Amino acid sequence: MTRMTAQARSRLDARFQRLGPLVTEPRPHKGWIRAIRDALGMSARELAARMQVSQQTIPDLERSELRGTIKLETLQRAADALDCDLVYFLRPRRSLDEAVQTQARRKAIQHLRSVAHHSRLEDQAVTDPETAAQLDDLVVRFVDRRGLWSEPTG
């Protein structure tokens, strides 16, 4: 599981790197539907007919696009009616590998805090260099481990 998961992360990170410039492209101030409709010279009535909806639906869906409440299905129908492709993707704010490493480190720290607390109770505290080495070892072990993203219970 670990090797395949790491490879999948690596492939996706490479794709996201290529898609990066698209994320900085701002949405037109009236939204994509209205901008494309206007650029095509298509009236709201014409778009409504192509989508097989009432004319009043078009301003409503253009507003819902601006508010971010438009359904993906509706956006796809509008895209089809405008002879466009709908491109949809989630782009992580940081690399997937970095996200996994950060979460593994967080989990390792939680684990070591619990162990350190019990060690102090038994007067068996570990030194800082030992703790750092244990932390690094745990991070490696926690990467791609089931339950990495679950919250601790209890």
N, C-alpha and C. Protein backbone atom coordinates (compact mmCIF):
# COMPACT_ATOMS: atom_id res chain seq x y z
N MET A 1 0.82 -1.20 0.00
CA MET A 1 0.00 0.00 0.00
C MET A 1 0.87 1.26 0.00
N THR A 2 1.92 1.28 0.76
CA THR A 2 2.75 2.46 0.90
C THR A 2 3.34 2.92 -0.42
N ARG A 3 3.91 2.00 -1.17
CA ARG A 3 4.57 2.36 -2.42
C ARG A 3 3.58 2.88 -3.45
N MET A 4 2.43 2.20 -3.58
CA MET A 4 1.42 2.63 -4.53
C MET A 4 0.85 3.98 -4.14
N THR A 5 0.62 4.20 -2.86
CA THR A 5 0.08 5.46 -2.38
C THR A 5 1.07 6.59 -2.64
N ALA A 6 2.34 6.35 -2.38
CA ALA A 6 3.36 7.37 -2.62
C ALA A 6 3.46 7.69 -4.11
N GLN A 7 3.36 6.67 -4.96
CA GLN A 7 3.40 6.90 -6.41
C GLN A 7 2.18 7.68 -6.87
N ALA A 8 1.03 7.34 -6.34
CA ALA A 8 -0.21 8.07 -6.70
C ALA A 8 -0.09 9.53 -6.28
N ARG A 9 0.43 9.77 -5.09
CA ARG A 9 0.63 11.15 -4.61
C ARG A 9 1.58 11.90 -5.54
N SER A 10 2.65 11.25 -5.91
CA SER A 10 3.65 11.87 -6.77
C SER A 10 3.06 12.22 -8.14
N ARG A 11 2.29 11.30 -8.71
CA ARG A 11 1.66 11.56 -10.02
C ARG A 11 0.67 12.72 -9.93
N LEU A 12 -0.15 12.72 -8.88
CA LEU A 12 -1.12 13.80 -8.72
C LEU A 12 -0.42 15.13 -8.47
N ASP A 13 0.62 15.13 -7.64
CA ASP A 13 1.36 16.37 -7.38
C ASP A 13 1.92 16.95 -8.69
N ALA A 14 2.41 16.08 -9.58
CA ALA A 14 2.93 16.55 -10.88
C ALA A 14 1.81 17.17 -11.71
N ARG A 15 0.64 16.55 -11.70
CA ARG A 15 -0.49 17.10 -12.44
C ARG A 15 -0.92 18.44 -11.86
N PHE A 16 -0.97 18.53 -10.55
CA PHE A 16 -1.37 19.79 -9.91
C PHE A 16 -0.37 20.89 -10.22
N GLN A 17 0.89 20.54 -10.31
CA GLN A 17 1.93 21.51 -10.65
C GLN A 17 1.64 22.13 -12.02
N ARG A 18 1.25 21.29 -12.97
CA ARG A 18 0.94 21.78 -14.32
C ARG A 18 -0.34 22.62 -14.34
N LEU A 19 -1.29 22.29 -13.47
CA LEU A 19 -2.56 23.00 -13.42
C LEU A 19 -2.47 24.30 -12.62
N GLY A 20 -1.40 24.48 -11.90
CA GLY A 20 -1.25 25.63 -11.01
C GLY A 20 -1.61 26.98 -11.61
N PRO A 21 -1.13 27.30 -12.82
CA PRO A 21 -1.46 28.61 -13.38
C PRO A 21 -2.96 28.85 -13.58
N LEU A 22 -3.73 27.79 -13.76
CA LEU A 22 -5.17 27.95 -13.94
C LEU A 22 -5.84 28.48 -12.68
N VAL A 23 -5.31 28.12 -11.53
CA VAL A 23 -5.92 28.51 -10.26
C VAL A 23 -5.83 30.02 -10.05
N THR A 24 -4.80 30.64 -10.56
CA THR A 24 -4.63 32.07 -10.36
C THR A 24 -5.44 32.90 -11.36
N GLU A 25 -6.04 32.23 -12.33
CA GLU A 25 -6.86 32.93 -13.32
C GLU A 25 -8.18 33.31 -12.66
N PRO A 26 -8.46 34.61 -12.54
CA PRO A 26 -9.69 35.01 -11.85
C PRO A 26 -10.94 34.73 -12.68
N ARG A 27 -12.02 34.48 -11.99
CA ARG A 27 -13.32 34.31 -12.65
C ARG A 27 -13.77 35.69 -13.13
N PRO A 28 -14.37 35.79 -14.31
CA PRO A 28 -14.89 37.09 -14.76
C PRO A 28 -15.84 37.66 -13.71
N HIS A 29 -15.89 38.98 -13.58
CA HIS A 29 -16.67 39.58 -12.50
C HIS A 29 -18.16 39.28 -12.60
N LYS A 30 -18.68 38.97 -13.77
CA LYS A 30 -20.08 38.58 -13.90
C LYS A 30 -20.25 37.06 -13.95
N GLY A 31 -19.16 36.32 -13.81
CA GLY A 31 -19.22 34.87 -13.85
C GLY A 31 -18.92 34.35 -15.24
N TRP A 32 -18.57 33.06 -15.31
CA TRP A 32 -18.21 32.43 -16.58
C TRP A 32 -19.40 32.31 -17.52
N ILE A 33 -20.55 31.94 -16.99
CA ILE A 33 -21.72 31.76 -17.85
C ILE A 33 -22.07 33.06 -18.56
N ARG A 34 -22.17 34.12 -17.80
CA ARG A 34 -22.54 35.43 -18.38
C ARG A 34 -21.45 35.92 -19.32
N ALA A 35 -20.19 35.77 -18.95
CA ALA A 35 -19.08 36.25 -19.79
C ALA A 35 -19.08 35.53 -21.14
N ILE A 36 -19.26 34.21 -21.11
CA ILE A 36 -19.25 33.45 -22.36
C ILE A 36 -20.51 33.73 -23.17
N ARG A 37 -21.64 33.81 -22.49
CA ARG A 37 -22.89 34.12 -23.17
C ARG A 37 -22.79 35.47 -23.88
N ASP A 38 -22.28 36.48 -23.17
CA ASP A 38 -22.11 37.81 -23.77
C ASP A 38 -21.12 37.78 -24.93
N ALA A 39 -20.01 37.08 -24.75
CA ALA A 39 -18.99 37.02 -25.80
C ALA A 39 -19.53 36.33 -27.06
N LEU A 40 -20.45 35.39 -26.87
CA LEU A 40 -21.06 34.70 -28.00
C LEU A 40 -22.19 35.52 -28.63
N GLY A 41 -22.61 36.57 -27.92
CA GLY A 41 -23.75 37.35 -28.40
C GLY A 41 -25.06 36.60 -28.19
N MET A 42 -25.10 35.73 -27.19
CA MET A 42 -26.28 34.91 -26.92
C MET A 42 -27.13 35.57 -25.85
N SER A 43 -28.39 35.74 -26.11
CA SER A 43 -29.29 36.34 -25.12
C SER A 43 -29.65 35.31 -24.05
N ALA A 44 -30.19 35.82 -22.94
CA ALA A 44 -30.67 34.93 -21.88
C ALA A 44 -31.78 34.05 -22.42
N ARG A 45 -32.63 34.59 -23.27
CA ARG A 45 -33.72 33.81 -23.87
C ARG A 45 -33.16 32.66 -24.70
N GLU A 46 -32.12 32.94 -25.49
CA GLU A 46 -31.52 31.91 -26.34
C GLU A 46 -30.85 30.81 -25.49
N LEU A 47 -30.15 31.22 -24.46
CA LEU A 47 -29.52 30.23 -23.58
C LEU A 47 -30.60 29.39 -22.89
N ALA A 48 -31.66 30.05 -22.44
CA ALA A 48 -32.76 29.32 -21.79
C ALA A 48 -33.35 28.28 -22.74
N ALA A 49 -33.55 28.65 -23.98
CA ALA A 49 -34.10 27.71 -24.96
C ALA A 49 -33.15 26.54 -25.16
N ARG A 50 -31.86 26.82 -25.23
CA ARG A 50 -30.88 25.75 -25.43
C ARG A 50 -30.80 24.82 -24.22
N MET A 51 -31.06 25.38 -23.03
CA MET A 51 -31.04 24.58 -21.80
C MET A 51 -32.41 23.98 -21.50
N GLN A 52 -33.42 24.39 -22.25
CA GLN A 52 -34.80 23.96 -22.04
C GLN A 52 -35.30 24.32 -20.64
N VAL A 53 -35.07 25.60 -20.28
CA VAL A 53 -35.56 26.15 -19.02
C VAL A 53 -36.24 27.48 -19.32
N SER A 54 -36.89 28.06 -18.33
CA SER A 54 -37.53 29.35 -18.54
C SER A 54 -36.48 30.45 -18.62
N GLN A 55 -36.84 31.54 -19.28
CA GLN A 55 -35.90 32.66 -19.44
C GLN A 55 -35.46 33.21 -18.09
N GLN A 56 -36.37 33.25 -17.11
CA GLN A 56 -36.04 33.77 -15.77
C GLN A 56 -35.00 32.91 -15.06
N THR A 57 -34.86 31.67 -15.46
CA THR A 57 -33.90 30.77 -14.82
C THR A 57 -32.46 31.24 -15.07
N ILE A 58 -32.21 31.85 -16.21
CA ILE A 58 -30.83 32.22 -16.57
C ILE A 58 -30.23 33.23 -15.61
N PRO A 59 -30.89 34.37 -15.32
CA PRO A 59 -30.29 35.27 -14.32
C PRO A 59 -30.11 34.60 -12.96
N ASP A 60 -31.05 33.73 -12.61
CA ASP A 60 -30.94 33.02 -11.33
C ASP A 60 -29.71 32.13 -11.30
N LEU A 61 -29.47 31.39 -12.39
CA LEU A 61 -28.30 30.50 -12.38
C LEU A 61 -27.00 31.30 -12.50
N GLU A 62 -27.04 32.44 -13.19
CA GLU A 62 -25.83 33.29 -13.25
C GLU A 62 -25.51 33.85 -11.86
N ARG A 63 -26.54 34.23 -11.11
CA ARG A 63 -26.32 34.70 -9.73
C ARG A 63 -25.82 33.57 -8.85
N SER A 64 -26.39 32.37 -9.03
CA SER A 64 -25.95 31.25 -8.19
C SER A 64 -24.51 30.87 -8.50
N GLU A 65 -24.08 31.06 -9.76
CA GLU A 65 -22.66 30.82 -10.06
C GLU A 65 -21.80 31.81 -9.29
N LEU A 66 -22.19 33.07 -9.28
CA LEU A 66 -21.41 34.10 -8.57
C LEU A 66 -21.37 33.83 -7.06
N ARG A 67 -22.48 33.35 -6.51
CA ARG A 67 -22.53 33.05 -5.07
C ARG A 67 -21.82 31.76 -4.72
N GLY A 68 -21.55 30.94 -5.73
CA GLY A 68 -20.91 29.65 -5.47
C GLY A 68 -21.89 28.59 -5.03
N THR A 69 -23.17 28.80 -5.32
CA THR A 69 -24.19 27.85 -4.90
C THR A 69 -24.76 27.05 -6.07
N ILE A 70 -24.24 27.26 -7.25
CA ILE A 70 -24.73 26.55 -8.43
C ILE A 70 -24.40 25.07 -8.31
N LYS A 71 -25.32 24.22 -8.72
CA LYS A 71 -25.06 22.79 -8.71
C LYS A 71 -24.15 22.44 -9.88
N LEU A 72 -23.29 21.48 -9.68
CA LEU A 72 -22.40 21.03 -10.74
C LEU A 72 -23.18 20.55 -11.96
N GLU A 73 -24.28 19.86 -11.71
CA GLU A 73 -25.13 19.37 -12.79
C GLU A 73 -25.67 20.53 -13.63
N THR A 74 -26.09 21.61 -12.97
CA THR A 74 -26.61 22.78 -13.68
C THR A 74 -25.50 23.47 -14.45
N LEU A 75 -24.34 23.56 -13.85
CA LEU A 75 -23.20 24.17 -14.53
C LEU A 75 -22.83 23.36 -15.77
N GLN A 76 -22.91 22.05 -15.69
CA GLN A 76 -22.64 21.19 -16.84
C GLN A 76 -23.66 21.43 -17.94
N ARG A 77 -24.91 21.56 -17.58
CA ARG A 77 -25.96 21.84 -18.58
C ARG A 77 -25.73 23.18 -19.25
N ALA A 78 -25.35 24.20 -18.47
CA ALA A 78 -25.06 25.51 -19.05
C ALA A 78 -23.85 25.42 -19.97
N ALA A 79 -22.82 24.71 -19.54
CA ALA A 79 -21.63 24.54 -20.37
C ALA A 79 -21.99 23.87 -21.70
N ASP A 80 -22.78 22.83 -21.65
CA ASP A 80 -23.21 22.15 -22.88
C ASP A 80 -23.98 23.11 -23.79
N ALA A 81 -24.88 23.89 -23.20
CA ALA A 81 -25.68 24.82 -23.99
C ALA A 81 -24.82 25.93 -24.60
N LEU A 82 -23.69 26.24 -23.96
CA LEU A 82 -22.75 27.25 -24.46
C LEU A 82 -21.66 26.63 -25.33
N ASP A 83 -21.79 25.34 -25.61
CA ASP A 83 -20.79 24.58 -26.37
C ASP A 83 -19.41 24.68 -25.72
N CYS A 84 -19.40 24.45 -24.41
CA CYS A 84 -18.16 24.52 -23.61
C CYS A 84 -17.97 23.20 -22.88
N ASP A 85 -16.75 22.96 -22.46
CA ASP A 85 -16.44 21.84 -21.57
C ASP A 85 -16.37 22.39 -20.15
N LEU A 86 -16.94 21.66 -19.22
CA LEU A 86 -16.80 22.00 -17.81
C LEU A 86 -15.56 21.29 -17.29
N VAL A 87 -14.64 22.04 -16.76
CA VAL A 87 -13.42 21.48 -16.21
C VAL A 87 -13.50 21.66 -14.69
N TYR A 88 -13.40 20.55 -13.99
CA TYR A 88 -13.58 20.57 -12.55
C TYR A 88 -12.44 19.81 -11.90
N PHE A 89 -11.80 20.42 -10.94
CA PHE A 89 -10.78 19.71 -10.18
C PHE A 89 -10.58 20.38 -8.84
N LEU A 90 -10.07 19.61 -7.90
CA LEU A 90 -9.65 20.14 -6.61
C LEU A 90 -8.15 20.26 -6.65
N ARG A 91 -7.63 21.39 -6.24
CA ARG A 91 -6.18 21.59 -6.22
C ARG A 91 -5.74 21.78 -4.78
N PRO A 92 -4.96 20.85 -4.27
CA PRO A 92 -4.47 21.00 -2.90
C PRO A 92 -3.68 22.30 -2.73
N ARG A 93 -3.77 22.89 -1.55
CA ARG A 93 -3.06 24.14 -1.27
C ARG A 93 -1.56 23.93 -1.13
N ARG A 94 -1.18 22.70 -0.87
CA ARG A 94 0.24 22.32 -0.80
C ARG A 94 0.35 20.93 -1.42
N SER A 95 1.55 20.47 -1.66
CA SER A 95 1.70 19.16 -2.29
C SER A 95 1.08 18.09 -1.40
N LEU A 96 0.59 17.05 -2.03
CA LEU A 96 -0.01 15.95 -1.27
C LEU A 96 1.03 15.28 -0.38
N ASP A 97 2.26 15.18 -0.89
CA ASP A 97 3.33 14.59 -0.09
C ASP A 97 3.59 15.42 1.16
N GLU A 98 3.61 16.73 1.00
CA GLU A 98 3.82 17.61 2.15
C GLU A 98 2.67 17.48 3.15
N ALA A 99 1.44 17.36 2.66
CA ALA A 99 0.28 17.20 3.54
C ALA A 99 0.39 15.91 4.35
N VAL A 100 0.80 14.83 3.70
CA VAL A 100 0.94 13.54 4.39
C VAL A 100 2.07 13.61 5.41
N GLN A 101 3.20 14.19 5.02
CA GLN A 101 4.33 14.30 5.95
C GLN A 101 3.95 15.14 7.18
N THR A 102 3.23 16.23 6.95
CA THR A 102 2.82 17.10 8.06
C THR A 102 1.87 16.36 9.00
N GLN A 103 0.92 15.63 8.42
CA GLN A 103 -0.03 14.88 9.25
C GLN A 103 0.67 13.75 9.99
N ALA A 104 1.61 13.07 9.34
CA ALA A 104 2.36 12.00 10.00
C ALA A 104 3.16 12.57 11.17
N ARG A 105 3.75 13.73 10.98
CA ARG A 105 4.51 14.38 12.06
C ARG A 105 3.59 14.75 13.21
N ARG A 106 2.41 15.28 12.88
CA ARG A 106 1.44 15.66 13.91
C ARG A 106 1.03 14.42 14.73
N LYS A 107 0.75 13.32 14.03
CA LYS A 107 0.37 12.09 14.72
C LYS A 107 1.52 11.56 15.57
N ALA A 108 2.73 11.63 15.05
CA ALA A 108 3.90 11.15 15.78
C ALA A 108 4.11 11.97 17.06
N ILE A 109 3.93 13.27 16.95
CA ILE A 109 4.07 14.14 18.14
C ILE A 109 3.03 13.78 19.18
N GLN A 110 1.78 13.57 18.74
CA GLN A 110 0.72 13.17 19.69
C GLN A 110 1.09 11.85 20.37
N HIS A 111 1.58 10.92 19.58
CA HIS A 111 1.95 9.62 20.12
C HIS A 111 3.08 9.75 21.14
N LEU A 112 4.12 10.52 20.78
CA LEU A 112 5.25 10.69 21.69
C LEU A 112 4.87 11.44 22.96
N ARG A 113 3.96 12.38 22.85
CA ARG A 113 3.51 13.09 24.06
C ARG A 113 2.84 12.13 25.02
N SER A 114 2.04 11.24 24.47
CA SER A 114 1.38 10.24 25.31
C SER A 114 2.40 9.32 25.96
N VAL A 115 3.36 8.85 25.17
CA VAL A 115 4.41 7.97 25.69
C VAL A 115 5.27 8.72 26.71
N ALA A 116 5.62 9.97 26.42
CA ALA A 116 6.46 10.76 27.33
C ALA A 116 5.76 10.97 28.66
N HIS A 117 4.45 11.21 28.60
CA HIS A 117 3.70 11.40 29.83
C HIS A 117 3.77 10.15 30.70
N HIS A 118 3.57 8.99 30.11
CA HIS A 118 3.64 7.75 30.87
C HIS A 118 5.07 7.46 31.35
N SER A 119 6.06 7.84 30.54
CA SER A 119 7.46 7.63 30.94
C SER A 119 7.81 8.50 32.14
N ARG A 120 7.30 9.75 32.12
CA ARG A 120 7.57 10.64 33.27
C ARG A 120 6.93 10.08 34.53
N LEU A 121 5.74 9.52 34.39
CA LEU A 121 5.08 8.94 35.54
C LEU A 121 5.89 7.78 36.11
N GLU A 122 6.59 7.07 35.22
CA GLU A 122 7.39 5.93 35.65
C GLU A 122 8.86 6.32 35.82
N ASP A 123 9.15 7.63 35.75
CA ASP A 123 10.50 8.16 35.90
C ASP A 123 11.46 7.56 34.87
N GLN A 124 11.02 7.49 33.59
CA GLN A 124 11.85 6.96 32.51
C GLN A 124 11.86 7.93 31.32
N ALA A 125 11.98 9.20 31.59
CA ALA A 125 11.93 10.21 30.53
C ALA A 125 13.11 10.05 29.57
N VAL A 126 12.86 10.33 28.28
CA VAL A 126 13.92 10.25 27.27
C VAL A 126 14.49 11.63 27.02
N THR A 127 15.75 11.68 26.53
CA THR A 127 16.40 12.95 26.28
C THR A 127 15.93 13.54 24.95
N ASP A 128 16.21 14.83 24.73
CA ASP A 128 15.78 15.50 23.51
C ASP A 128 16.33 14.85 22.24
N PRO A 129 17.62 14.52 22.14
CA PRO A 129 18.09 13.85 20.91
C PRO A 129 17.38 12.52 20.66
N GLU A 130 17.12 11.79 21.75
CA GLU A 130 16.40 10.53 21.59
C GLU A 130 14.98 10.78 21.10
N THR A 131 14.36 11.81 21.65
CA THR A 131 12.99 12.16 21.25
C THR A 131 12.95 12.54 19.77
N ALA A 132 13.91 13.32 19.32
CA ALA A 132 13.96 13.73 17.91
C ALA A 132 14.12 12.52 17.00
N ALA A 133 14.96 11.60 17.39
CA ALA A 133 15.16 10.39 16.59
C ALA A 133 13.90 9.53 16.57
N GLN A 134 13.26 9.41 17.73
CA GLN A 134 12.01 8.66 17.80
C GLN A 134 10.93 9.31 16.93
N LEU A 135 10.88 10.64 16.97
CA LEU A 135 9.90 11.38 16.18
C LEU A 135 10.10 11.11 14.69
N ASP A 136 11.34 11.23 14.24
CA ASP A 136 11.63 10.98 12.82
C ASP A 136 11.27 9.55 12.42
N ASP A 137 11.57 8.60 13.27
CA ASP A 137 11.25 7.20 13.00
C ASP A 137 9.74 6.99 12.93
N LEU A 138 9.01 7.60 13.84
CA LEU A 138 7.56 7.46 13.84
C LEU A 138 6.93 8.10 12.60
N VAL A 139 7.45 9.25 12.19
CA VAL A 139 6.92 9.92 10.99
C VAL A 139 7.01 8.97 9.80
N VAL A 140 8.16 8.34 9.63
CA VAL A 140 8.34 7.40 8.51
C VAL A 140 7.36 6.24 8.63
N ARG A 141 7.15 5.76 9.84
CA ARG A 141 6.23 4.63 10.03
C ARG A 141 4.77 5.02 9.83
N PHE A 142 4.41 6.27 10.18
CA PHE A 142 3.02 6.71 10.08
C PHE A 142 2.60 7.10 8.66
N VAL A 143 3.55 7.46 7.80
CA VAL A 143 3.21 7.85 6.43
C VAL A 143 2.52 6.67 5.75
N ASP A 144 1.41 6.93 5.11
CA ASP A 144 0.62 5.94 4.38
C ASP A 144 0.03 4.84 5.27
N ARG A 145 0.00 5.08 6.55
CA ARG A 145 -0.58 4.11 7.47
C ARG A 145 -2.08 4.37 7.58
N ARG A 146 -2.84 3.31 7.63
CA ARG A 146 -4.29 3.49 7.82
C ARG A 146 -4.54 4.27 9.11
N GLY A 147 -5.53 5.14 9.06
CA GLY A 147 -5.88 5.93 10.24
C GLY A 147 -5.06 7.20 10.39
N LEU A 148 -4.21 7.49 9.43
CA LEU A 148 -3.37 8.70 9.53
C LEU A 148 -4.23 9.95 9.72
N TRP A 149 -5.37 9.99 9.06
CA TRP A 149 -6.20 11.20 9.08
C TRP A 149 -7.32 11.15 10.10
N SER A 150 -7.43 10.07 10.86
CA SER A 150 -8.49 10.01 11.87
C SER A 150 -8.04 10.78 13.11
N GLU A 151 -9.03 11.33 13.77
CA GLU A 151 -8.77 12.07 15.00
C GLU A 151 -8.59 11.08 16.15
N PRO A 152 -7.76 11.42 17.13
CA PRO A 152 -7.60 10.51 18.26
C PRO A 152 -8.91 10.42 19.04
N THR A 153 -9.16 9.26 19.60
CA THR A 153 -10.38 9.06 20.39
C THR A 153 -10.03 9.03 21.86
N GLY A 154 -11.04 9.28 22.64
CA GLY A 154 -10.86 9.18 24.08
C GLY A 154 -10.51 10.46 24.63
